Structure formats: structure tokens, C-alpha cells
Amino acid sequence: MTDVLGLDLKTAVALLETDGKAVRLIEVRSKKGGKGDDRRVIKTTETETETVVYWSAFKTRIDA
């Protein structure tokens, strides 16, 4: 499996699809649900038919 852990979501999906993988996305949020704009892969699992990508949005820009 292609290692996409930590990559931004669009890049990760593109890499997996280039490898011929079917991709299913699952968003993971905290209970507080902070607003973030930087979508990153935090976990992946692979089955016989697809790669499941768990992602979360991180706030990486400080609002002044």
C-alpha cells in the first residue's frame, strides 16, 4: 500500500487512485469540532476491494 499518512487529502487520494485503488473517505472530528482548513490523512486501512482513508481538518493558520 502506498503510504499517504500525513499528506493533504487531495494529494493522498490522487496517489491512491494512480495506484488503481478504490478510495473511501471517512472524516474524523473531535467532540468540540474546531474549524480547520488543512485536511490531512490520519489513518488508512486496506481491504480486498478498497483503501479506507480517515482524515481530519486541522487549523494551521492563526487568525489575527
Protein backbone atom coordinates (compact mmCIF):
# COMPACT_ATOMS: atom_id res chain seq x y z
CA MET A 1 0.00 0.00 0.00
CA THR A 2 1.20 3.50 -0.80
CA ASP A 3 2.00 5.40 2.42
CA VAL A 4 -0.11 8.57 2.47
CA LEU A 5 -0.17 9.20 6.23
CA GLY A 6 0.11 12.93 6.96
CA LEU A 7 -0.40 14.03 3.37
CA ASP A 8 -3.07 16.53 2.40
CA LEU A 9 -6.28 14.81 1.37
CA LYS A 10 -6.28 15.71 -2.34
CA THR A 11 -2.70 14.51 -2.84
CA ALA A 12 -3.36 11.27 -0.95
CA VAL A 13 -6.46 10.42 -2.97
CA ALA A 14 -4.67 11.18 -6.24
CA LEU A 15 -1.73 8.91 -5.31
CA LEU A 16 -4.00 6.03 -4.32
CA GLU A 17 -6.14 6.34 -7.44
CA THR A 18 -2.99 6.41 -9.58
CA ASP A 19 -2.11 3.05 -8.00
CA GLY A 20 -5.52 1.77 -9.12
CA LYS A 21 -7.11 1.74 -5.67
CA ALA A 22 -10.75 2.44 -4.90
CA VAL A 23 -10.80 5.05 -2.13
CA ARG A 24 -13.41 5.55 0.61
CA LEU A 25 -13.10 8.68 2.76
CA ILE A 26 -14.11 8.92 6.41
CA GLU A 27 -13.92 12.23 8.26
CA VAL A 28 -12.82 12.19 11.91
CA ARG A 29 -13.73 15.11 14.20
CA SER A 30 -13.16 15.98 17.83
CA LYS A 31 -16.13 16.43 20.15
CA LYS A 32 -15.51 20.19 20.21
CA GLY A 33 -15.35 20.28 16.42
CA GLY A 34 -12.86 23.05 15.79
CA LYS A 35 -12.83 24.70 12.38
CA GLY A 36 -9.85 23.77 10.29
CA ASP A 37 -8.84 24.27 6.68
CA ASP A 38 -5.90 21.89 6.31
CA ARG A 39 -7.30 18.40 5.53
CA ARG A 40 -4.77 15.66 6.36
CA VAL A 41 -4.75 11.86 6.36
CA ILE A 42 -4.55 10.47 9.90
CA LYS A 43 -5.07 6.73 9.26
CA THR A 44 -5.51 4.25 6.41
CA THR A 45 -6.72 0.68 6.22
CA GLU A 46 -6.91 -1.61 3.23
CA THR A 47 -9.43 -4.29 2.30
CA GLU A 48 -9.53 -6.53 -0.75
CA THR A 49 -11.66 -4.01 -2.63
CA GLU A 50 -10.70 -0.57 -1.36
CA THR A 51 -8.45 1.67 0.70
CA VAL A 52 -10.20 3.47 3.55
CA VAL A 53 -8.72 6.89 4.28
CA TYR A 54 -9.51 8.56 7.61
CA TRP A 55 -8.92 12.31 7.54
CA SER A 56 -9.30 15.31 9.76
CA ALA A 57 -9.18 19.07 9.27
CA PHE A 58 -6.51 20.94 11.21
CA LYS A 59 -6.30 24.63 11.89
CA THR A 60 -2.80 25.59 10.75
CA ARG A 61 -3.32 29.34 10.27
CA ILE A 62 -3.57 31.71 13.19
CA ASP A 63 -6.30 34.32 12.83
CA ALA A 64 -5.01 37.73 13.79
